[in-house]
N, C-alpha and C. Protein backbone atom coordinates (compact mmCIF):
# COMPACT_ATOMS: atom_id res chain seq x y z
N MET A 1 108.99 132.41 87.51
CA MET A 1 109.59 131.27 88.18
C MET A 1 109.71 131.61 89.66
N ARG A 2 109.19 130.75 90.49
CA ARG A 2 109.22 130.96 91.93
C ARG A 2 110.33 130.09 92.53
N ALA A 3 111.19 130.73 93.30
CA ALA A 3 112.25 129.99 93.99
C ALA A 3 111.76 129.64 95.39
N LEU A 4 112.15 128.46 95.84
CA LEU A 4 111.78 127.98 97.17
C LEU A 4 113.00 128.01 98.06
N ASN A 5 112.80 128.33 99.34
CA ASN A 5 113.89 128.16 100.29
C ASN A 5 113.88 126.70 100.76
N TRP A 6 114.82 126.34 101.60
CA TRP A 6 114.94 124.95 102.05
C TRP A 6 113.65 124.46 102.71
N LYS A 7 113.11 125.22 103.64
CA LYS A 7 111.91 124.80 104.35
C LYS A 7 110.75 124.59 103.38
N GLU A 8 110.60 125.51 102.43
CA GLU A 8 109.52 125.37 101.45
C GLU A 8 109.71 124.13 100.58
N TYR A 9 110.95 123.86 100.20
CA TYR A 9 111.23 122.66 99.41
C TYR A 9 110.91 121.39 100.20
N VAL A 10 111.34 121.33 101.44
CA VAL A 10 111.07 120.16 102.30
C VAL A 10 109.57 120.02 102.53
N ASP A 11 108.88 121.14 102.78
CA ASP A 11 107.42 121.09 102.97
C ASP A 11 106.71 120.59 101.72
N TYR A 12 107.17 121.04 100.56
CA TYR A 12 106.60 120.60 99.28
C TYR A 12 106.77 119.09 99.13
N MET A 13 107.96 118.61 99.42
CA MET A 13 108.23 117.17 99.34
C MET A 13 107.32 116.41 100.30
N GLN A 14 107.14 116.94 101.51
CA GLN A 14 106.30 116.28 102.50
C GLN A 14 104.84 116.25 102.07
N GLU A 15 104.37 117.31 101.41
CA GLU A 15 103.00 117.33 100.89
C GLU A 15 102.79 116.20 99.89
N ILE A 16 103.79 115.97 99.06
CA ILE A 16 103.70 114.88 98.08
C ILE A 16 103.68 113.54 98.80
N VAL A 17 104.60 113.36 99.74
CA VAL A 17 104.68 112.10 100.49
C VAL A 17 103.36 111.80 101.21
N ASN A 18 102.76 112.85 101.78
CA ASN A 18 101.51 112.68 102.53
C ASN A 18 100.28 112.57 101.63
N GLY A 19 100.48 112.69 100.31
CA GLY A 19 99.37 112.56 99.37
C GLY A 19 98.52 113.81 99.24
N HIS A 20 98.99 114.95 99.76
CA HIS A 20 98.23 116.20 99.70
C HIS A 20 98.48 116.97 98.41
N TYR A 21 99.52 116.60 97.67
CA TYR A 21 99.83 117.24 96.41
C TYR A 21 99.79 116.17 95.34
N THR A 22 98.84 116.27 94.44
CA THR A 22 98.65 115.21 93.45
C THR A 22 98.63 115.74 92.02
N GLN A 23 99.28 116.89 91.81
CA GLN A 23 99.39 117.40 90.45
C GLN A 23 100.40 116.53 89.68
N PRO A 24 100.26 116.47 88.33
CA PRO A 24 101.23 115.68 87.57
C PRO A 24 102.66 116.14 87.83
N PRO A 25 103.62 115.26 87.90
CA PRO A 25 103.52 113.81 87.70
C PRO A 25 103.18 113.05 88.99
N TYR A 26 102.91 113.78 90.07
CA TYR A 26 102.70 113.13 91.37
C TYR A 26 101.33 112.47 91.48
N ASP A 27 100.54 112.52 90.42
CA ASP A 27 99.28 111.78 90.38
C ASP A 27 99.53 110.32 89.98
N LYS A 28 100.77 110.01 89.59
CA LYS A 28 101.13 108.64 89.21
C LYS A 28 101.76 107.94 90.41
N PRO A 29 101.34 106.71 90.70
CA PRO A 29 101.86 105.99 91.88
C PRO A 29 103.39 105.88 91.91
N ASP A 30 104.03 105.68 90.74
CA ASP A 30 105.49 105.55 90.73
C ASP A 30 106.16 106.81 91.24
N TYR A 31 105.68 107.97 90.83
CA TYR A 31 106.30 109.23 91.25
C TYR A 31 106.08 109.49 92.74
N HIS A 32 104.93 109.12 93.22
CA HIS A 32 104.67 109.23 94.67
C HIS A 32 105.63 108.32 95.42
N HIS A 33 105.82 107.10 94.92
CA HIS A 33 106.72 106.13 95.55
C HIS A 33 108.17 106.65 95.53
N TYR A 34 108.62 107.15 94.38
CA TYR A 34 109.99 107.69 94.28
C TYR A 34 110.20 108.81 95.29
N THR A 35 109.21 109.70 95.38
CA THR A 35 109.34 110.83 96.30
C THR A 35 109.39 110.36 97.74
N LYS A 36 108.58 109.38 98.08
CA LYS A 36 108.59 108.84 99.45
C LYS A 36 109.95 108.24 99.79
N MET A 37 110.51 107.47 98.87
CA MET A 37 111.84 106.88 99.09
C MET A 37 112.91 107.98 99.17
N ASN A 38 112.81 108.97 98.31
CA ASN A 38 113.79 110.04 98.28
C ASN A 38 113.74 110.88 99.55
N GLU A 39 112.56 111.08 100.08
CA GLU A 39 112.43 111.85 101.33
C GLU A 39 113.14 111.11 102.47
N ALA A 40 112.99 109.79 102.51
CA ALA A 40 113.68 108.99 103.54
C ALA A 40 115.20 109.05 103.34
N ARG A 41 115.64 108.94 102.10
CA ARG A 41 117.09 109.02 101.82
C ARG A 41 117.64 110.39 102.21
N GLN A 42 116.90 111.42 101.88
CA GLN A 42 117.33 112.78 102.21
C GLN A 42 117.47 112.93 103.73
N ARG A 43 116.49 112.44 104.47
CA ARG A 43 116.56 112.52 105.94
C ARG A 43 117.78 111.79 106.47
N ARG A 44 118.10 110.62 105.89
CA ARG A 44 119.28 109.86 106.33
C ARG A 44 120.56 110.65 106.12
N TRP A 45 120.70 111.30 104.95
CA TRP A 45 121.90 112.10 104.67
C TRP A 45 122.01 113.27 105.64
N LEU A 46 120.88 113.91 105.91
CA LEU A 46 120.89 115.04 106.84
C LEU A 46 121.30 114.59 108.24
N LYS A 47 120.79 113.45 108.65
CA LYS A 47 121.14 112.93 109.98
C LYS A 47 122.61 112.54 110.05
N ALA A 48 123.11 111.92 109.00
CA ALA A 48 124.51 111.46 108.97
C ALA A 48 125.49 112.64 108.90
N ASN A 49 125.09 113.71 108.23
CA ASN A 49 125.94 114.89 108.02
C ASN A 49 127.40 114.49 107.75
N PRO A 50 127.66 113.96 106.55
CA PRO A 50 128.99 113.43 106.23
C PRO A 50 130.01 114.47 105.76
N LEU A 51 129.77 115.75 106.00
CA LEU A 51 130.70 116.77 105.50
C LEU A 51 132.08 116.58 106.12
N THR A 52 133.08 116.64 105.27
CA THR A 52 134.46 116.46 105.72
C THR A 52 135.02 117.77 106.27
N GLN A 53 136.13 117.64 106.99
CA GLN A 53 136.81 118.84 107.51
C GLN A 53 137.26 119.74 106.37
N GLU A 54 137.68 119.14 105.26
CA GLU A 54 138.12 119.91 104.10
C GLU A 54 136.96 120.72 103.52
N THR A 55 135.79 120.10 103.45
CA THR A 55 134.61 120.80 102.93
C THR A 55 134.24 121.95 103.85
N VAL A 56 134.20 121.69 105.15
CA VAL A 56 133.85 122.72 106.12
C VAL A 56 134.81 123.90 106.01
N ALA A 57 136.10 123.62 105.97
CA ALA A 57 137.11 124.68 105.88
C ALA A 57 136.94 125.50 104.60
N ALA A 58 136.71 124.83 103.48
CA ALA A 58 136.56 125.53 102.20
C ALA A 58 135.33 126.42 102.19
N ILE A 59 134.22 125.92 102.69
CA ILE A 59 132.98 126.71 102.70
C ILE A 59 133.14 127.93 103.61
N LYS A 60 133.81 127.75 104.72
CA LYS A 60 133.99 128.87 105.66
C LYS A 60 134.90 129.96 105.08
N GLN A 61 135.67 129.64 104.04
CA GLN A 61 136.54 130.64 103.40
C GLN A 61 135.79 131.61 102.49
N ILE A 62 134.56 131.29 102.16
CA ILE A 62 133.79 132.18 101.29
C ILE A 62 133.55 133.48 102.05
N ASN A 63 134.02 134.60 101.48
CA ASN A 63 133.93 135.86 102.21
C ASN A 63 133.11 136.92 101.49
N THR A 64 132.50 136.57 100.36
CA THR A 64 131.58 137.47 99.68
C THR A 64 130.27 136.72 99.44
N PRO A 65 129.16 137.43 99.40
CA PRO A 65 127.86 136.75 99.24
C PRO A 65 127.78 135.92 97.96
N GLN A 66 127.16 134.77 98.08
CA GLN A 66 126.90 133.90 96.94
C GLN A 66 125.45 133.45 96.97
N GLN A 67 124.89 133.29 95.79
CA GLN A 67 123.56 132.73 95.63
C GLN A 67 123.72 131.33 95.04
N TRP A 68 123.23 130.35 95.76
CA TRP A 68 123.24 128.98 95.25
C TRP A 68 121.82 128.64 94.83
N VAL A 69 121.67 128.18 93.60
CA VAL A 69 120.37 127.78 93.08
C VAL A 69 120.46 126.31 92.68
N VAL A 70 119.55 125.51 93.18
CA VAL A 70 119.49 124.10 92.83
C VAL A 70 118.22 123.86 92.02
N ILE A 71 118.40 123.35 90.83
CA ILE A 71 117.26 122.95 90.01
C ILE A 71 117.05 121.46 90.26
N THR A 72 115.86 121.09 90.69
CA THR A 72 115.62 119.72 91.12
C THR A 72 114.13 119.39 91.06
N GLU A 73 113.78 118.20 91.44
CA GLU A 73 112.41 117.74 91.65
C GLU A 73 112.45 116.66 92.73
N PRO A 74 111.44 116.59 93.59
CA PRO A 74 111.44 115.59 94.66
C PRO A 74 111.47 114.14 94.18
N TRP A 75 111.02 113.86 92.97
CA TRP A 75 111.02 112.48 92.46
C TRP A 75 112.41 112.01 92.02
N CYS A 76 113.36 112.92 91.89
CA CYS A 76 114.67 112.61 91.31
C CYS A 76 115.54 111.81 92.29
N GLY A 77 115.92 110.62 91.90
CA GLY A 77 116.75 109.76 92.74
C GLY A 77 118.12 110.34 93.03
N ASP A 78 118.76 110.95 92.05
CA ASP A 78 120.06 111.57 92.28
C ASP A 78 119.94 112.72 93.29
N ALA A 79 118.86 113.48 93.19
CA ALA A 79 118.65 114.61 94.10
C ALA A 79 118.56 114.16 95.55
N ALA A 80 118.02 112.98 95.80
CA ALA A 80 117.90 112.48 97.17
C ALA A 80 119.26 112.37 97.85
N HIS A 81 120.30 112.16 97.06
CA HIS A 81 121.65 112.01 97.59
C HIS A 81 122.46 113.31 97.53
N ILE A 82 122.14 114.16 96.58
CA ILE A 82 122.94 115.36 96.34
C ILE A 82 122.38 116.59 97.04
N VAL A 83 121.07 116.80 96.98
CA VAL A 83 120.46 118.01 97.54
C VAL A 83 120.75 118.17 99.03
N PRO A 84 120.63 117.11 99.85
CA PRO A 84 120.92 117.32 101.27
C PRO A 84 122.38 117.70 101.54
N ILE A 85 123.30 117.22 100.72
CA ILE A 85 124.71 117.57 100.89
C ILE A 85 124.91 119.05 100.54
N ILE A 86 124.30 119.51 99.46
CA ILE A 86 124.39 120.92 99.10
C ILE A 86 123.77 121.77 100.21
N TYR A 87 122.63 121.34 100.72
CA TYR A 87 121.99 122.10 101.81
C TYR A 87 122.93 122.19 103.02
N LEU A 88 123.49 121.06 103.43
CA LEU A 88 124.39 121.06 104.59
C LEU A 88 125.58 121.99 104.35
N MET A 89 126.13 121.96 103.14
CA MET A 89 127.25 122.85 102.82
C MET A 89 126.82 124.31 102.95
N SER A 90 125.63 124.61 102.47
CA SER A 90 125.16 126.01 102.48
C SER A 90 124.96 126.54 103.90
N THR A 91 124.70 125.67 104.85
CA THR A 91 124.45 126.13 106.22
C THR A 91 125.73 126.53 106.95
N LEU A 92 126.87 126.25 106.37
CA LEU A 92 128.15 126.52 107.03
C LEU A 92 128.61 127.97 106.93
N ASN A 93 127.95 128.75 106.07
CA ASN A 93 128.42 130.11 105.87
C ASN A 93 127.22 131.01 105.58
N ASN A 94 127.04 132.05 106.40
CA ASN A 94 125.88 132.92 106.22
C ASN A 94 126.00 133.83 105.00
N LYS A 95 127.08 133.73 104.26
CA LYS A 95 127.23 134.47 103.00
C LYS A 95 126.55 133.72 101.84
N ILE A 96 126.13 132.49 102.11
CA ILE A 96 125.48 131.67 101.08
C ILE A 96 123.96 131.73 101.27
N THR A 97 123.27 132.07 100.18
CA THR A 97 121.80 132.02 100.15
C THR A 97 121.42 130.88 99.21
N LEU A 98 120.63 129.95 99.70
CA LEU A 98 120.26 128.76 98.92
C LEU A 98 118.80 128.84 98.49
N TRP A 99 118.58 128.62 97.19
CA TRP A 99 117.23 128.59 96.61
C TRP A 99 117.05 127.33 95.78
N PHE A 100 115.81 126.94 95.63
CA PHE A 100 115.47 125.77 94.81
C PHE A 100 114.49 126.19 93.74
N GLN A 101 114.73 125.68 92.53
CA GLN A 101 113.79 125.82 91.43
C GLN A 101 113.33 124.42 91.06
N LEU A 102 112.03 124.27 90.88
CA LEU A 102 111.49 122.98 90.45
C LEU A 102 111.64 122.89 88.94
N ARG A 103 112.33 121.86 88.50
CA ARG A 103 112.66 121.73 87.07
C ARG A 103 111.45 121.90 86.17
N ASP A 104 110.32 121.32 86.57
CA ASP A 104 109.16 121.27 85.69
C ASP A 104 108.19 122.42 85.91
N SER A 105 108.62 123.46 86.64
CA SER A 105 107.74 124.59 86.92
C SER A 105 108.43 125.92 86.59
N GLY A 106 108.86 126.06 85.36
CA GLY A 106 109.42 127.32 84.92
C GLY A 106 110.84 127.59 85.41
N SER A 107 111.64 126.56 85.57
CA SER A 107 113.02 126.74 86.04
C SER A 107 113.93 127.19 84.90
N GLU A 108 115.18 127.37 85.22
CA GLU A 108 116.20 127.75 84.24
C GLU A 108 116.85 126.53 83.58
N ILE A 109 116.28 125.37 83.71
CA ILE A 109 116.94 124.12 83.29
C ILE A 109 117.38 124.15 81.83
N ASP A 110 116.65 124.82 80.97
CA ASP A 110 117.01 124.80 79.54
C ASP A 110 118.34 125.49 79.25
N LYS A 111 118.87 126.26 80.20
CA LYS A 111 120.20 126.86 80.07
C LYS A 111 121.29 125.90 80.53
N TYR A 112 120.89 124.79 81.17
CA TYR A 112 121.86 123.89 81.81
C TYR A 112 121.62 122.44 81.40
N LEU A 113 121.43 122.22 80.12
CA LEU A 113 121.19 120.87 79.62
C LEU A 113 122.45 120.02 79.72
N THR A 114 122.26 118.74 79.92
CA THR A 114 123.35 117.77 79.97
C THR A 114 123.20 116.87 78.75
N ASN A 115 124.08 117.03 77.80
CA ASN A 115 123.99 116.27 76.54
C ASN A 115 122.60 116.37 75.93
N GLY A 116 122.01 117.57 76.02
CA GLY A 116 120.70 117.81 75.44
C GLY A 116 119.52 117.44 76.32
N SER A 117 119.77 116.85 77.48
CA SER A 117 118.67 116.43 78.35
C SER A 117 118.52 117.37 79.54
N ARG A 118 117.36 117.36 80.14
CA ARG A 118 117.03 118.22 81.28
C ARG A 118 117.37 117.50 82.60
N SER A 119 118.56 116.95 82.68
CA SER A 119 119.01 116.16 83.84
C SER A 119 119.15 117.05 85.07
N ILE A 120 118.78 116.48 86.20
CA ILE A 120 118.86 117.18 87.48
C ILE A 120 119.43 116.25 88.53
N PRO A 121 119.90 116.80 89.63
CA PRO A 121 119.91 118.20 90.03
C PRO A 121 121.08 118.95 89.42
N ILE A 122 120.90 120.26 89.31
CA ILE A 122 121.93 121.18 88.85
C ILE A 122 122.12 122.23 89.94
N LEU A 123 123.36 122.48 90.32
CA LEU A 123 123.70 123.55 91.26
C LEU A 123 124.32 124.68 90.45
N ILE A 124 123.75 125.88 90.60
CA ILE A 124 124.29 127.08 89.96
C ILE A 124 124.77 127.99 91.08
N VAL A 125 126.02 128.43 91.01
CA VAL A 125 126.57 129.33 92.01
C VAL A 125 126.81 130.67 91.35
N ARG A 126 126.23 131.72 91.97
CA ARG A 126 126.34 133.08 91.44
C ARG A 126 126.88 134.01 92.51
N ASN A 127 127.47 135.10 92.07
CA ASN A 127 127.92 136.11 93.02
C ASN A 127 126.72 136.97 93.43
N ALA A 128 126.97 137.97 94.28
CA ALA A 128 125.88 138.82 94.80
C ALA A 128 125.16 139.57 93.70
N GLU A 129 125.85 139.85 92.60
CA GLU A 129 125.25 140.58 91.47
C GLU A 129 124.45 139.65 90.56
N GLY A 130 124.50 138.36 90.81
CA GLY A 130 123.78 137.40 89.98
C GLY A 130 124.58 136.86 88.82
N ASP A 131 125.88 137.19 88.77
CA ASP A 131 126.74 136.65 87.71
C ASP A 131 127.11 135.21 88.06
N GLU A 132 126.99 134.35 87.08
CA GLU A 132 127.30 132.94 87.31
C GLU A 132 128.80 132.74 87.52
N LEU A 133 129.14 132.06 88.60
CA LEU A 133 130.53 131.67 88.85
C LEU A 133 130.80 130.30 88.23
N PHE A 134 129.86 129.38 88.43
CA PHE A 134 129.96 128.04 87.84
C PHE A 134 128.64 127.32 88.05
N TYR A 135 128.51 126.18 87.35
CA TYR A 135 127.41 125.28 87.68
C TYR A 135 127.96 123.87 87.70
N TRP A 136 127.23 122.99 88.40
CA TRP A 136 127.68 121.62 88.61
C TRP A 136 126.45 120.71 88.55
N GLY A 137 126.65 119.51 88.05
CA GLY A 137 125.58 118.51 88.05
C GLY A 137 125.52 117.83 86.71
N PRO A 138 124.66 116.88 86.56
CA PRO A 138 123.62 116.44 87.47
C PRO A 138 124.06 115.43 88.53
N ARG A 139 125.28 114.96 88.40
CA ARG A 139 125.80 114.01 89.40
C ARG A 139 127.33 114.08 89.34
N PRO A 140 128.02 113.52 90.34
CA PRO A 140 129.49 113.52 90.28
C PRO A 140 130.00 112.81 89.03
N LYS A 141 131.21 113.16 88.63
CA LYS A 141 131.80 112.61 87.39
C LYS A 141 131.73 111.08 87.36
N GLN A 142 132.14 110.42 88.43
CA GLN A 142 132.12 108.96 88.44
C GLN A 142 130.69 108.43 88.35
N GLY A 143 129.76 109.08 89.02
CA GLY A 143 128.35 108.69 88.92
C GLY A 143 127.80 108.90 87.53
N GLN A 144 128.22 109.99 86.88
CA GLN A 144 127.79 110.26 85.51
C GLN A 144 128.34 109.20 84.55
N GLU A 145 129.59 108.84 84.72
CA GLU A 145 130.18 107.79 83.88
C GLU A 145 129.45 106.47 84.07
N LEU A 146 129.11 106.15 85.31
CA LEU A 146 128.35 104.93 85.62
C LEU A 146 126.99 104.98 84.93
N TYR A 147 126.30 106.11 85.07
CA TYR A 147 124.99 106.28 84.44
C TYR A 147 125.08 106.10 82.93
N LEU A 148 126.07 106.76 82.31
CA LEU A 148 126.21 106.68 80.86
C LEU A 148 126.51 105.25 80.39
N SER A 149 127.30 104.52 81.17
CA SER A 149 127.59 103.13 80.79
C SER A 149 126.34 102.26 80.91
N LEU A 150 125.54 102.51 81.93
CA LEU A 150 124.28 101.76 82.08
C LEU A 150 123.32 102.10 80.94
N ALA A 151 123.24 103.38 80.60
CA ALA A 151 122.35 103.81 79.51
C ALA A 151 122.81 103.24 78.18
N ALA A 152 124.13 103.19 77.96
CA ALA A 152 124.66 102.68 76.69
C ALA A 152 124.30 101.21 76.47
N ARG A 153 124.25 100.45 77.55
CA ARG A 153 123.89 99.04 77.38
C ARG A 153 122.41 98.78 77.64
N LYS A 154 121.64 99.90 77.71
CA LYS A 154 120.19 99.84 77.84
C LYS A 154 119.74 99.05 79.08
N ALA A 155 120.39 99.34 80.21
CA ALA A 155 120.02 98.70 81.47
C ALA A 155 118.59 99.10 81.83
N SER A 156 117.91 98.23 82.53
CA SER A 156 116.53 98.53 82.94
C SER A 156 116.54 99.67 83.96
N LEU A 157 115.40 100.32 84.11
CA LEU A 157 115.29 101.41 85.09
C LEU A 157 115.60 100.90 86.49
N ASP A 158 115.10 99.71 86.82
CA ASP A 158 115.38 99.14 88.15
C ASP A 158 116.88 98.94 88.38
N GLU A 159 117.58 98.42 87.36
CA GLU A 159 119.02 98.22 87.50
C GLU A 159 119.74 99.55 87.67
N MET A 160 119.32 100.55 86.90
CA MET A 160 119.95 101.88 87.01
C MET A 160 119.75 102.45 88.41
N ILE A 161 118.53 102.35 88.92
CA ILE A 161 118.23 102.90 90.25
C ILE A 161 119.08 102.21 91.31
N VAL A 162 119.12 100.88 91.29
CA VAL A 162 119.87 100.13 92.31
C VAL A 162 121.37 100.40 92.19
N THR A 163 121.89 100.40 90.98
CA THR A 163 123.32 100.61 90.77
C THR A 163 123.75 102.01 91.23
N LEU A 164 122.98 103.03 90.87
CA LEU A 164 123.31 104.39 91.28
C LEU A 164 123.14 104.56 92.79
N GLN A 165 122.11 103.94 93.36
CA GLN A 165 121.91 103.98 94.81
C GLN A 165 123.13 103.39 95.52
N ASN A 166 123.60 102.26 95.04
CA ASN A 166 124.78 101.63 95.63
C ASN A 166 126.02 102.51 95.48
N TYR A 167 126.15 103.16 94.32
CA TYR A 167 127.27 104.07 94.11
C TYR A 167 127.25 105.19 95.15
N TYR A 168 126.10 105.85 95.30
CA TYR A 168 126.01 106.97 96.25
C TYR A 168 126.30 106.51 97.68
N ASN A 169 125.77 105.37 98.05
CA ASN A 169 126.01 104.87 99.41
C ASN A 169 127.49 104.57 99.65
N ALA A 170 128.14 103.95 98.66
CA ALA A 170 129.56 103.61 98.81
C ALA A 170 130.45 104.86 98.79
N ASP A 171 130.07 105.85 98.00
CA ASP A 171 130.87 107.07 97.87
C ASP A 171 130.76 107.97 99.11
N LYS A 172 129.67 107.83 99.86
CA LYS A 172 129.45 108.60 101.09
C LYS A 172 129.49 110.11 100.88
N SER A 173 129.11 110.56 99.72
CA SER A 173 129.03 111.97 99.31
C SER A 173 130.38 112.63 99.10
N LEU A 174 131.45 111.87 99.17
CA LEU A 174 132.79 112.46 99.03
C LEU A 174 133.01 113.11 97.66
N SER A 175 132.55 112.44 96.60
CA SER A 175 132.73 113.00 95.26
C SER A 175 131.96 114.30 95.09
N ILE A 176 130.75 114.35 95.62
CA ILE A 176 129.94 115.57 95.55
C ILE A 176 130.70 116.71 96.21
N GLN A 177 131.15 116.46 97.43
CA GLN A 177 131.85 117.49 98.18
C GLN A 177 133.14 117.93 97.48
N GLN A 178 133.93 116.96 97.05
CA GLN A 178 135.22 117.29 96.43
C GLN A 178 135.04 118.10 95.15
N GLU A 179 134.08 117.72 94.33
CA GLU A 179 133.89 118.42 93.06
C GLU A 179 133.38 119.84 93.28
N ILE A 180 132.42 120.01 94.18
CA ILE A 180 131.89 121.36 94.43
C ILE A 180 132.95 122.22 95.11
N VAL A 181 133.66 121.66 96.08
CA VAL A 181 134.72 122.43 96.76
C VAL A 181 135.80 122.85 95.78
N SER A 182 136.16 121.98 94.85
CA SER A 182 137.17 122.32 93.85
C SER A 182 136.71 123.52 93.01
N LEU A 183 135.46 123.51 92.60
CA LEU A 183 134.91 124.64 91.82
C LEU A 183 134.85 125.91 92.65
N LEU A 184 134.42 125.78 93.90
CA LEU A 184 134.37 126.95 94.79
C LEU A 184 135.77 127.53 95.00
N SER A 185 136.74 126.65 95.24
CA SER A 185 138.11 127.10 95.50
C SER A 185 138.67 127.87 94.32
N ALA A 186 138.33 127.47 93.12
CA ALA A 186 138.81 128.17 91.93
C ALA A 186 138.28 129.60 91.87
N HIS A 187 137.16 129.87 92.56
CA HIS A 187 136.58 131.21 92.54
C HIS A 187 136.87 132.00 93.79
N LEU A 188 137.67 131.44 94.68
CA LEU A 188 138.08 132.18 95.89
C LEU A 188 139.39 132.90 95.66
N GLN A 189 140.07 132.58 94.58
CA GLN A 189 141.39 133.19 94.30
C GLN A 189 141.25 134.65 94.00
């Protein structure tokens, strides 16, 4: 399993958007389209940099090395909203090393199933020795509840995408930050 750093992950996404990477599933027009939309969403989050003062303060309190691993794929709509926030958080403290595993290319996803599914993105936080401190994902609790309610009533894929997109935009990444900071704070004691 090969881990990617941030630049490699962004470059990989850009290769797909530019049509230079056409291996499955990116040989299908829908996946290329999803990736193109997700790349634009990711850029918007990075530009907006919505990290709160509470998040910044909590991340700066980390005083021992941590390895953050994100299992994701560029086509994932949830990842377009979550991955850039995790990246921004990781840049606040040089004790954090951030890596990406592509879910469909030999990742650890089978250890982190959500109700039996390979849902992404998943953030795994480990100490310097590689011991897991916690994992989080595939989406904030409220977003997960929304997703499950849509799935229970068999909403169309288009409705799910639009509804979750609206949720992420309205939430402004606050739930992502609060949930991850809460887990981090529990391990700073």
